[in-house]
Amino acid sequence: MSRIQQAFERLNGEGRKALIPFITAGDPDVALTLPLLHTLVEAGADVIELGVPFSDPMADGPTIQRASERALAKGMTLRKVLQLVIDFRQTDAKTPIVLMGYANPIEAMGLEKFALAASTAGVDGVLVVDYPPEEAAGFGAAMKAHGMDPIFLLAPTSSVERIEQVAEIASGYVYYVSLAGVTGSGALNVEAVAERLPLIREKTGLPVGVGFGIRDAATAARIAGIADAVVVGSRIIEEIEKSTAETACANVKALVADIRRGVDEVKS
């Protein structure tokens, strides 16, 4: 059983929903990412999505685009992201890490080489935004062969056929994008999300995490009432942006802990 599966089983036994924060590796600089990862755990993260910066992040809005630009300007690479995971694992063998990014850096390294290196580093899952499920059988098989979960996005526009394709390949959890847009978009419609989740659950027994548009404890609580996990990214990046290197961890910890309290208002 993977660390991700273990985390969801533990939470289910405790009657709690998962909190999955996202940060971009190397933002605002390489030295701060490791302390931020541990801060997220201290604040209540159950799984962490660690963004691999990419120069053309087409699914991301301006906030995460800026995070990628800052990280790339500081020299962050896929190999350095994997080294960060190795460093994280020196003191945390429990918290699942999911790499989230785009196909180009993985294909530049080579899929099999990446899969071995990521697994060896201690990565638990990989979400590649621009791998459509109908073209990702090889990716899914490579991840599973190395003990990692291939995680896929579903959106309000996903067809039944697309949901079934994802259900066939994915493991760990499914990431449902709450709205048609990029990360950081507003206008979260919880009722529309609630109407969509039963169809996804009908097609897959995997936990469903919901992200995009969740910015505070109140919206986190509403999403936790209908989903298995709450994913928060852009709001955390904004907190990092307005902090200094000295205040970033404390500010992020306060924000994520508050969102954690919102998630924990709901019992499964």
C-alpha atoms as a PDB file:
ATOM      1  CA  MET A   1       0.000   0.000   0.000  1.00  0.00           C
ATOM      2  CA  SER A   2       1.388   3.395  -0.986  1.00  0.00           C
ATOM      3  CA  ARG A   3       1.937   6.233   1.469  1.00  0.00           C
ATOM      4  CA  ILE A   4      -0.942   8.089  -0.219  1.00  0.00           C
ATOM      5  CA  GLN A   5      -3.309   5.165   0.255  1.00  0.00           C
ATOM      6  CA  GLN A   6      -2.158   4.812   3.861  1.00  0.00           C
ATOM      7  CA  ALA A   7      -2.861   8.510   4.480  1.00  0.00           C
ATOM      8  CA  PHE A   8      -6.410   8.311   3.134  1.00  0.00           C
ATOM      9  CA  GLU A   9      -7.123   5.089   5.048  1.00  0.00           C
ATOM     10  CA  ARG A  10      -5.857   6.673   8.267  1.00  0.00           C
ATOM     11  CA  LEU A  11      -8.003   9.768   7.720  1.00  0.00           C
ATOM     12  CA  ASN A  12     -11.034   7.684   6.882  1.00  0.00           C
ATOM     13  CA  GLY A  13     -10.567   5.761  10.131  1.00  0.00           C
ATOM     14  CA  GLU A  14     -10.336   9.047  12.016  1.00  0.00           C
ATOM     15  CA  GLY A  15     -13.414  10.464  10.296  1.00  0.00           C
ATOM     16  CA  ARG A  16     -11.406  13.336   8.805  1.00  0.00           C
ATOM     17  CA  LYS A  17     -10.864  14.806   5.351  1.00  0.00           C
ATOM     18  CA  ALA A  18      -7.438  15.368   3.790  1.00  0.00           C
ATOM     19  CA  LEU A  19      -5.719  18.705   3.349  1.00  0.00           C
ATOM     20  CA  ILE A  20      -3.351  18.866   0.360  1.00  0.00           C
ATOM     21  CA  PRO A  21      -1.369  22.120   0.104  1.00  0.00           C
ATOM     22  CA  PHE A  22       0.685  22.987  -2.985  1.00  0.00           C
ATOM     23  CA  ILE A  23       3.896  24.984  -3.251  1.00  0.00           C
ATOM     24  CA  THR A  24       6.323  25.381  -6.135  1.00  0.00           C
ATOM     25  CA  ALA A  25       9.797  23.936  -5.574  1.00  0.00           C
ATOM     26  CA  GLY A  26      12.392  26.698  -5.564  1.00  0.00           C
ATOM     27  CA  ASP A  27       9.955  29.548  -4.902  1.00  0.00           C
ATOM     28  CA  PRO A  28      11.016  32.089  -3.806  1.00  0.00           C
ATOM     29  CA  ASP A  29      14.406  30.372  -3.637  1.00  0.00           C
ATOM     30  CA  VAL A  30      15.780  26.876  -3.330  1.00  0.00           C
ATOM     31  CA  ALA A  31      16.901  27.257   0.281  1.00  0.00           C
ATOM     32  CA  LEU A  32      13.390  28.069   1.540  1.00  0.00           C
ATOM     33  CA  THR A  33      11.547  25.134  -0.020  1.00  0.00           C
ATOM     34  CA  LEU A  34      12.668  22.485   2.471  1.00  0.00           C
ATOM     35  CA  PRO A  35      11.656  24.558   5.533  1.00  0.00           C
ATOM     36  CA  LEU A  36       8.333  25.313   3.828  1.00  0.00           C
ATOM     37  CA  LEU A  37       7.681  21.599   3.249  1.00  0.00           C
ATOM     38  CA  HIS A  38       8.177  20.867   6.940  1.00  0.00           C
ATOM     39  CA  THR A  39       6.059  23.897   7.816  1.00  0.00           C
ATOM     40  CA  LEU A  40       3.172  22.529   5.748  1.00  0.00           C
ATOM     41  CA  VAL A  41       3.351  19.273   7.706  1.00  0.00           C
ATOM     42  CA  GLU A  42       3.415  21.138  11.033  1.00  0.00           C
ATOM     43  CA  ALA A  43       0.348  23.103   9.923  1.00  0.00           C
ATOM     44  CA  GLY A  44      -1.656  19.962   9.179  1.00  0.00           C
ATOM     45  CA  ALA A  45      -0.898  18.820   5.632  1.00  0.00           C
ATOM     46  CA  ASP A  46      -1.798  15.195   4.941  1.00  0.00           C
ATOM     47  CA  VAL A  47      -0.281  15.074   1.441  1.00  0.00           C
ATOM     48  CA  ILE A  48       1.906  17.738  -0.206  1.00  0.00           C
ATOM     49  CA  GLU A  49       1.810  18.613  -3.892  1.00  0.00           C
ATOM     50  CA  LEU A  50       5.243  19.937  -4.883  1.00  0.00           C
ATOM     51  CA  GLY A  51       5.218  21.873  -8.129  1.00  0.00           C
ATOM     52  CA  VAL A  52       7.989  21.274 -10.655  1.00  0.00           C
ATOM     53  CA  PRO A  53       8.543  24.722 -12.225  1.00  0.00           C
ATOM     54  CA  PHE A  54       8.036  24.918 -15.961  1.00  0.00           C
ATOM     55  CA  SER A  55       8.380  27.783 -18.422  1.00  0.00           C
ATOM     56  CA  ASP A  56       4.962  27.278 -20.049  1.00  0.00           C
ATOM     57  CA  PRO A  57       2.525  26.227 -17.297  1.00  0.00           C
ATOM     58  CA  MET A  58      -0.641  26.486 -19.381  1.00  0.00           C
ATOM     59  CA  ALA A  59      -3.028  25.230 -16.667  1.00  0.00           C
ATOM     60  CA  ASP A  60      -1.775  27.719 -14.121  1.00  0.00           C
ATOM     61  CA  GLY A  61      -2.924  31.265 -13.547  1.00  0.00           C
ATOM     62  CA  PRO A  62      -0.691  34.292 -12.962  1.00  0.00           C
ATOM     63  CA  THR A  63       0.101  33.460  -9.317  1.00  0.00           C
ATOM     64  CA  ILE A  64       1.616  30.041  -9.928  1.00  0.00           C
ATOM     65  CA  GLN A  65       3.143  31.273 -13.191  1.00  0.00           C
ATOM     66  CA  ARG A  66       5.050  33.856 -11.147  1.00  0.00           C
ATOM     67  CA  ALA A  67       6.137  31.128  -8.728  1.00  0.00           C
ATOM     68  CA  SER A  68       7.510  29.073 -11.623  1.00  0.00           C
ATOM     69  CA  GLU A  69       9.324  32.099 -13.027  1.00  0.00           C
ATOM     70  CA  ARG A  70      10.950  32.862  -9.664  1.00  0.00           C
ATOM     71  CA  ALA A  71      11.997  29.237  -9.198  1.00  0.00           C
ATOM     72  CA  LEU A  72      13.441  28.907 -12.692  1.00  0.00           C
ATOM     73  CA  ALA A  73      15.306  32.199 -12.256  1.00  0.00           C
ATOM     74  CA  LYS A  74      16.922  30.692  -9.140  1.00  0.00           C
ATOM     75  CA  GLY A  75      18.085  27.682 -11.153  1.00  0.00           C
ATOM     76  CA  MET A  76      15.522  25.097 -10.058  1.00  0.00           C
ATOM     77  CA  THR A  77      15.482  21.944 -12.196  1.00  0.00           C
ATOM     78  CA  LEU A  78      13.729  18.590 -12.035  1.00  0.00           C
ATOM     79  CA  ARG A  79      16.886  16.994 -10.620  1.00  0.00           C
ATOM     80  CA  LYS A  80      17.014  19.632  -7.879  1.00  0.00           C
ATOM     81  CA  VAL A  81      13.347  19.000  -7.091  1.00  0.00           C
ATOM     82  CA  LEU A  82      14.159  15.321  -6.578  1.00  0.00           C
ATOM     83  CA  GLN A  83      17.075  16.274  -4.321  1.00  0.00           C
ATOM     84  CA  LEU A  84      14.647  18.358  -2.232  1.00  0.00           C
ATOM     85  CA  VAL A  85      12.491  15.261  -1.777  1.00  0.00           C
ATOM     86  CA  ILE A  86      15.573  13.269  -0.725  1.00  0.00           C
ATOM     87  CA  ASP A  87      16.388  15.970   1.826  1.00  0.00           C
ATOM     88  CA  PHE A  88      12.769  16.034   3.068  1.00  0.00           C
ATOM     89  CA  ARG A  89      12.825  12.276   3.561  1.00  0.00           C
ATOM     90  CA  GLN A  90      15.812  12.561   5.916  1.00  0.00           C
ATOM     91  CA  THR A  91      13.410  13.665   8.652  1.00  0.00           C
ATOM     92  CA  ASP A  92       9.944  12.829   7.322  1.00  0.00           C
ATOM     93  CA  ALA A  93       9.277   9.284   6.165  1.00  0.00           C
ATOM     94  CA  LYS A  94       5.502   9.556   6.538  1.00  0.00           C
ATOM     95  CA  THR A  95       4.056  12.501   4.602  1.00  0.00           C
ATOM     96  CA  PRO A  96       3.267  11.658   0.959  1.00  0.00           C
ATOM     97  CA  ILE A  97       4.833  13.900  -1.682  1.00  0.00           C
ATOM     98  CA  VAL A  98       3.172  14.292  -5.085  1.00  0.00           C
ATOM     99  CA  LEU A  99       5.120  15.990  -7.857  1.00  0.00           C
ATOM    100  CA  MET A 100       2.888  18.193 -10.001  1.00  0.00           C
ATOM    101  CA  GLY A 101       4.078  19.593 -13.300  1.00  0.00           C
ATOM    102  CA  TYR A 102       4.299  19.189 -17.039  1.00  0.00           C
ATOM    103  CA  ALA A 103       5.520  16.531 -19.440  1.00  0.00           C
ATOM    104  CA  ASN A 104       8.501  18.311 -20.947  1.00  0.00           C
ATOM    105  CA  PRO A 105      10.958  18.031 -18.001  1.00  0.00           C
ATOM    106  CA  ILE A 106      10.056  14.357 -17.508  1.00  0.00           C
ATOM    107  CA  GLU A 107      10.468  13.498 -21.172  1.00  0.00           C
ATOM    108  CA  ALA A 108      13.746  15.409 -21.315  1.00  0.00           C
ATOM    109  CA  MET A 109      15.048  13.137 -18.548  1.00  0.00           C
ATOM    110  CA  GLY A 110      13.364  10.029 -19.982  1.00  0.00           C
ATOM    111  CA  LEU A 111      10.282   8.425 -18.453  1.00  0.00           C
ATOM    112  CA  GLU A 112      11.944   5.302 -17.070  1.00  0.00           C
ATOM    113  CA  LYS A 113      14.928   7.227 -15.735  1.00  0.00           C
ATOM    114  CA  PHE A 114      12.579   9.730 -14.085  1.00  0.00           C
ATOM    115  CA  ALA A 115      10.407   7.012 -12.573  1.00  0.00           C
ATOM    116  CA  LEU A 116      13.416   5.283 -10.999  1.00  0.00           C
ATOM    117  CA  ALA A 117      14.915   8.549  -9.735  1.00  0.00           C
ATOM    118  CA  ALA A 118      11.612   9.808  -8.310  1.00  0.00           C
ATOM    119  CA  SER A 119      10.866   6.532  -6.574  1.00  0.00           C
ATOM    120  CA  THR A 120      14.379   6.377  -5.133  1.00  0.00           C
ATOM    121  CA  ALA A 121      14.064   9.967  -3.892  1.00  0.00           C
ATOM    122  CA  GLY A 122      10.864   9.142  -1.996  1.00  0.00           C
ATOM    123  CA  VAL A 123       8.189  10.573  -4.300  1.00  0.00           C
ATOM    124  CA  ASP A 124       4.777   8.942  -3.814  1.00  0.00           C
ATOM    125  CA  GLY A 125       2.732  10.216  -6.728  1.00  0.00           C
ATOM    126  CA  VAL A 126       3.084  12.220  -9.935  1.00  0.00           C
ATOM    127  CA  LEU A 127       0.501  14.444 -11.613  1.00  0.00           C
ATOM    128  CA  VAL A 128       1.440  15.560 -15.127  1.00  0.00           C
ATOM    129  CA  VAL A 129      -0.979  18.260 -16.213  1.00  0.00           C
ATOM    130  CA  ASP A 130      -0.539  17.735 -19.955  1.00  0.00           C
ATOM    131  CA  TYR A 131      -0.699  13.927 -20.025  1.00  0.00           C
ATOM    132  CA  PRO A 132      -4.244  13.093 -21.222  1.00  0.00           C
ATOM    133  CA  PRO A 133      -5.292   9.666 -19.935  1.00  0.00           C
ATOM    134  CA  GLU A 134      -5.803   8.236 -23.408  1.00  0.00           C
ATOM    135  CA  GLU A 135      -2.083   8.817 -24.076  1.00  0.00           C
ATOM    136  CA  ALA A 136      -0.772   8.025 -20.602  1.00  0.00           C
ATOM    137  CA  ALA A 137      -0.876   4.227 -20.319  1.00  0.00           C
ATOM    138  CA  GLY A 138       2.936   4.062 -20.433  1.00  0.00           C
ATOM    139  CA  PHE A 139       3.258   6.801 -17.820  1.00  0.00           C
ATOM    140  CA  GLY A 140       0.768   5.081 -15.525  1.00  0.00           C
ATOM    141  CA  ALA A 141       2.505   1.726 -15.889  1.00  0.00           C
ATOM    142  CA  ALA A 142       5.930   3.253 -15.196  1.00  0.00           C
ATOM    143  CA  MET A 143       4.689   4.983 -12.051  1.00  0.00           C
ATOM    144  CA  LYS A 144       3.025   1.846 -10.706  1.00  0.00           C
ATOM    145  CA  ALA A 145       6.058  -0.308 -11.576  1.00  0.00           C
ATOM    146  CA  HIS A 146       8.101   1.918  -9.265  1.00  0.00           C
ATOM    147  CA  GLY A 147       5.523   2.029  -6.480  1.00  0.00           C
ATOM    148  CA  MET A 148       4.148   5.506  -7.219  1.00  0.00           C
ATOM    149  CA  ASP A 149       0.604   6.663  -7.887  1.00  0.00           C
ATOM    150  CA  PRO A 150      -0.252   8.261 -11.262  1.00  0.00           C
ATOM    151  CA  ILE A 151      -2.716  11.045 -10.460  1.00  0.00           C
ATOM    152  CA  PHE A 152      -4.939  12.736 -13.020  1.00  0.00           C
ATOM    153  CA  LEU A 153      -7.051  15.835 -13.302  1.00  0.00           C
ATOM    154  CA  LEU A 154     -10.756  15.829 -14.046  1.00  0.00           C
ATOM    155  CA  ALA A 155     -12.697  18.994 -14.836  1.00  0.00           C
ATOM    156  CA  PRO A 156     -16.331  20.098 -15.132  1.00  0.00           C
ATOM    157  CA  THR A 157     -15.957  19.559 -18.876  1.00  0.00           C
ATOM    158  CA  SER A 158     -14.632  15.975 -18.597  1.00  0.00           C
ATOM    159  CA  SER A 159     -16.800  13.504 -20.478  1.00  0.00           C
ATOM    160  CA  VAL A 160     -17.962  10.194 -19.039  1.00  0.00           C
ATOM    161  CA  GLU A 161     -15.468   8.490 -21.346  1.00  0.00           C
ATOM    162  CA  ARG A 162     -12.626  10.648 -19.966  1.00  0.00           C
ATOM    163  CA  ILE A 163     -13.656   9.865 -16.388  1.00  0.00           C
ATOM    164  CA  GLU A 164     -13.640   6.146 -17.197  1.00  0.00           C
ATOM    165  CA  GLN A 165     -10.181   6.425 -18.791  1.00  0.00           C
ATOM    166  CA  VAL A 166      -8.818   8.154 -15.702  1.00  0.00           C
ATOM    167  CA  ALA A 167     -10.445   5.565 -13.443  1.00  0.00           C
ATOM    168  CA  GLU A 168      -8.672   2.826 -15.370  1.00  0.00           C
ATOM    169  CA  ILE A 169      -5.161   4.315 -15.069  1.00  0.00           C
ATOM    170  CA  ALA A 170      -5.129   6.415 -11.895  1.00  0.00           C
ATOM    171  CA  SER A 171      -4.328   5.411  -8.353  1.00  0.00           C
ATOM    172  CA  GLY A 172      -3.868   7.314  -5.089  1.00  0.00           C
ATOM    173  CA  TYR A 173      -6.564   9.927  -5.663  1.00  0.00           C
ATOM    174  CA  VAL A 174      -8.265  11.888  -8.421  1.00  0.00           C
ATOM    175  CA  TYR A 175      -7.876  15.671  -8.569  1.00  0.00           C
ATOM    176  CA  TYR A 176     -11.140  17.366  -9.549  1.00  0.00           C
ATOM    177  CA  VAL A 177     -10.699  20.909 -10.847  1.00  0.00           C
ATOM    178  CA  SER A 178     -13.605  22.809  -9.334  1.00  0.00           C
ATOM    179  CA  LEU A 179     -14.102  25.251 -12.198  1.00  0.00           C
ATOM    180  CA  ALA A 180     -13.339  25.738 -15.872  1.00  0.00           C
ATOM    181  CA  GLY A 181     -10.270  27.960 -15.742  1.00  0.00           C
ATOM    182  CA  VAL A 182      -6.701  28.150 -14.506  1.00  0.00           C
ATOM    183  CA  THR A 183      -5.326  27.955 -10.983  1.00  0.00           C
ATOM    184  CA  GLY A 184      -6.119  31.001  -8.884  1.00  0.00           C
ATOM    185  CA  SER A 185      -9.490  31.551 -10.539  1.00  0.00           C
ATOM    186  CA  GLY A 186     -12.313  32.761  -8.333  1.00  0.00           C
ATOM    187  CA  ALA A 187     -16.060  32.167  -8.349  1.00  0.00           C
ATOM    188  CA  LEU A 188     -15.971  28.740  -6.741  1.00  0.00           C
ATOM    189  CA  ASN A 189     -19.394  27.093  -7.166  1.00  0.00           C
ATOM    190  CA  VAL A 190     -19.610  24.451  -4.460  1.00  0.00           C
ATOM    191  CA  GLU A 191     -23.095  23.365  -5.541  1.00  0.00           C
ATOM    192  CA  ALA A 192     -21.858  22.648  -9.070  1.00  0.00           C
ATOM    193  CA  VAL A 193     -18.957  20.625  -7.668  1.00  0.00           C
ATOM    194  CA  ALA A 194     -21.355  18.665  -5.454  1.00  0.00           C
ATOM    195  CA  GLU A 195     -23.489  17.798  -8.476  1.00  0.00           C
ATOM    196  CA  ARG A 196     -20.471  16.446 -10.371  1.00  0.00           C
ATOM    197  CA  LEU A 197     -18.785  14.302  -7.729  1.00  0.00           C
ATOM    198  CA  PRO A 198     -21.336  11.444  -7.617  1.00  0.00           C
ATOM    199  CA  LEU A 199     -20.636  10.626 -11.275  1.00  0.00           C
ATOM    200  CA  ILE A 200     -16.873  10.502 -10.587  1.00  0.00           C
ATOM    201  CA  ARG A 201     -17.404   8.326  -7.532  1.00  0.00           C
ATOM    202  CA  GLU A 202     -19.626   6.030  -9.590  1.00  0.00           C
ATOM    203  CA  LYS A 203     -16.716   5.439 -11.984  1.00  0.00           C
ATOM    204  CA  THR A 204     -13.817   5.179  -9.538  1.00  0.00           C
ATOM    205  CA  GLY A 205     -13.409   4.105  -5.952  1.00  0.00           C
ATOM    206  CA  LEU A 206     -10.466   6.448  -5.490  1.00  0.00           C
ATOM    207  CA  PRO A 207     -10.628   9.392  -3.080  1.00  0.00           C
ATOM    208  CA  VAL A 208     -11.532  12.650  -4.827  1.00  0.00           C
ATOM    209  CA  GLY A 209      -9.607  15.814  -4.017  1.00  0.00           C
ATOM    210  CA  VAL A 210     -11.016  19.163  -5.107  1.00  0.00           C
ATOM    211  CA  GLY A 211      -8.882  22.187  -5.901  1.00  0.00           C
ATOM    212  CA  PHE A 212      -8.925  25.586  -7.650  1.00  0.00           C
ATOM    213  CA  GLY A 213     -10.665  28.542  -6.015  1.00  0.00           C
ATOM    214  CA  ILE A 214     -10.234  27.492  -2.363  1.00  0.00           C
ATOM    215  CA  ARG A 215      -8.787  30.439  -0.462  1.00  0.00           C
ATOM    216  CA  ASP A 216      -9.840  30.258   3.174  1.00  0.00           C
ATOM    217  CA  ALA A 217     -11.179  28.105   6.001  1.00  0.00           C
ATOM    218  CA  ALA A 218     -14.809  28.752   5.075  1.00  0.00           C
ATOM    219  CA  THR A 219     -14.510  27.534   1.490  1.00  0.00           C
ATOM    220  CA  ALA A 220     -12.263  24.677   2.634  1.00  0.00           C
ATOM    221  CA  ALA A 221     -14.994  23.559   5.035  1.00  0.00           C
ATOM    222  CA  ARG A 222     -17.616  23.654   2.288  1.00  0.00           C
ATOM    223  CA  ILE A 223     -15.438  21.574  -0.052  1.00  0.00           C
ATOM    224  CA  ALA A 224     -14.528  19.156   2.760  1.00  0.00           C
ATOM    225  CA  GLY A 225     -18.238  18.569   3.190  1.00  0.00           C
ATOM    226  CA  ILE A 226     -18.494  17.001  -0.250  1.00  0.00           C
ATOM    227  CA  ALA A 227     -14.971  15.796  -1.191  1.00  0.00           C
ATOM    228  CA  ASP A 228     -12.336  13.507   0.313  1.00  0.00           C
ATOM    229  CA  ALA A 229      -9.561  16.093   0.119  1.00  0.00           C
ATOM    230  CA  VAL A 230      -9.153  19.855  -0.173  1.00  0.00           C
ATOM    231  CA  VAL A 231      -6.311  21.120  -2.389  1.00  0.00           C
ATOM    232  CA  VAL A 232      -5.002  24.664  -1.874  1.00  0.00           C
ATOM    233  CA  GLY A 233      -2.268  26.219  -4.025  1.00  0.00           C
ATOM    234  CA  SER A 234      -2.478  29.802  -5.269  1.00  0.00           C
ATOM    235  CA  ARG A 235      -3.531  31.255  -1.904  1.00  0.00           C
ATOM    236  CA  ILE A 236      -0.390  29.778  -0.296  1.00  0.00           C
ATOM    237  CA  ILE A 237       1.786  31.125  -3.104  1.00  0.00           C
ATOM    238  CA  GLU A 238       0.280  34.582  -2.507  1.00  0.00           C
ATOM    239  CA  GLU A 239       1.209  34.316   1.176  1.00  0.00           C
ATOM    240  CA  ILE A 240       4.787  33.444   0.215  1.00  0.00           C
ATOM    241  CA  GLU A 241       4.880  36.391  -2.218  1.00  0.00           C
ATOM    242  CA  LYS A 242       3.975  38.955   0.399  1.00  0.00           C
ATOM    243  CA  SER A 243       6.334  37.505   3.006  1.00  0.00           C
ATOM    244  CA  THR A 244      10.042  37.909   3.501  1.00  0.00           C
ATOM    245  CA  ALA A 245      12.403  34.957   3.749  1.00  0.00           C
ATOM    246  CA  GLU A 246      12.293  35.450   7.521  1.00  0.00           C
ATOM    247  CA  THR A 247       8.481  35.528   7.801  1.00  0.00           C
ATOM    248  CA  ALA A 248       7.409  33.106   5.050  1.00  0.00           C
ATOM    249  CA  CYS A 249       7.267  29.932   7.150  1.00  0.00           C
ATOM    250  CA  ALA A 250       5.371  31.575  10.018  1.00  0.00           C
ATOM    251  CA  ASN A 251       2.860  33.215   7.674  1.00  0.00           C
ATOM    252  CA  VAL A 252       2.298  30.039   5.646  1.00  0.00           C
ATOM    253  CA  LYS A 253       1.921  28.010   8.827  1.00  0.00           C
ATOM    254  CA  ALA A 254      -0.761  30.370  10.145  1.00  0.00           C
ATOM    255  CA  LEU A 255      -2.665  30.307   6.857  1.00  0.00           C
ATOM    256  CA  VAL A 256      -2.542  26.531   6.379  1.00  0.00           C
ATOM    257  CA  ALA A 257      -3.394  25.853  10.024  1.00  0.00           C
ATOM    258  CA  ASP A 258      -6.478  28.059   9.639  1.00  0.00           C
ATOM    259  CA  ILE A 259      -7.533  26.174   6.504  1.00  0.00           C
ATOM    260  CA  ARG A 260      -6.892  22.927   8.409  1.00  0.00           C
ATOM    261  CA  ARG A 261      -9.362  24.084  11.058  1.00  0.00           C
ATOM    262  CA  GLY A 262     -11.916  24.647   8.301  1.00  0.00           C
ATOM    263  CA  VAL A 263     -11.368  21.157   6.886  1.00  0.00           C
ATOM    264  CA  ASP A 264     -11.664  19.628  10.360  1.00  0.00           C
ATOM    265  CA  GLU A 265     -15.058  21.231  10.899  1.00  0.00           C
ATOM    266  CA  VAL A 266     -16.344  18.431   8.700  1.00  0.00           C
ATOM    267  CA  LYS A 267     -16.403  14.826   9.797  1.00  0.00           C
ATOM    268  CA  SER A 268     -16.638  12.063   7.228  1.00  0.00           C
END
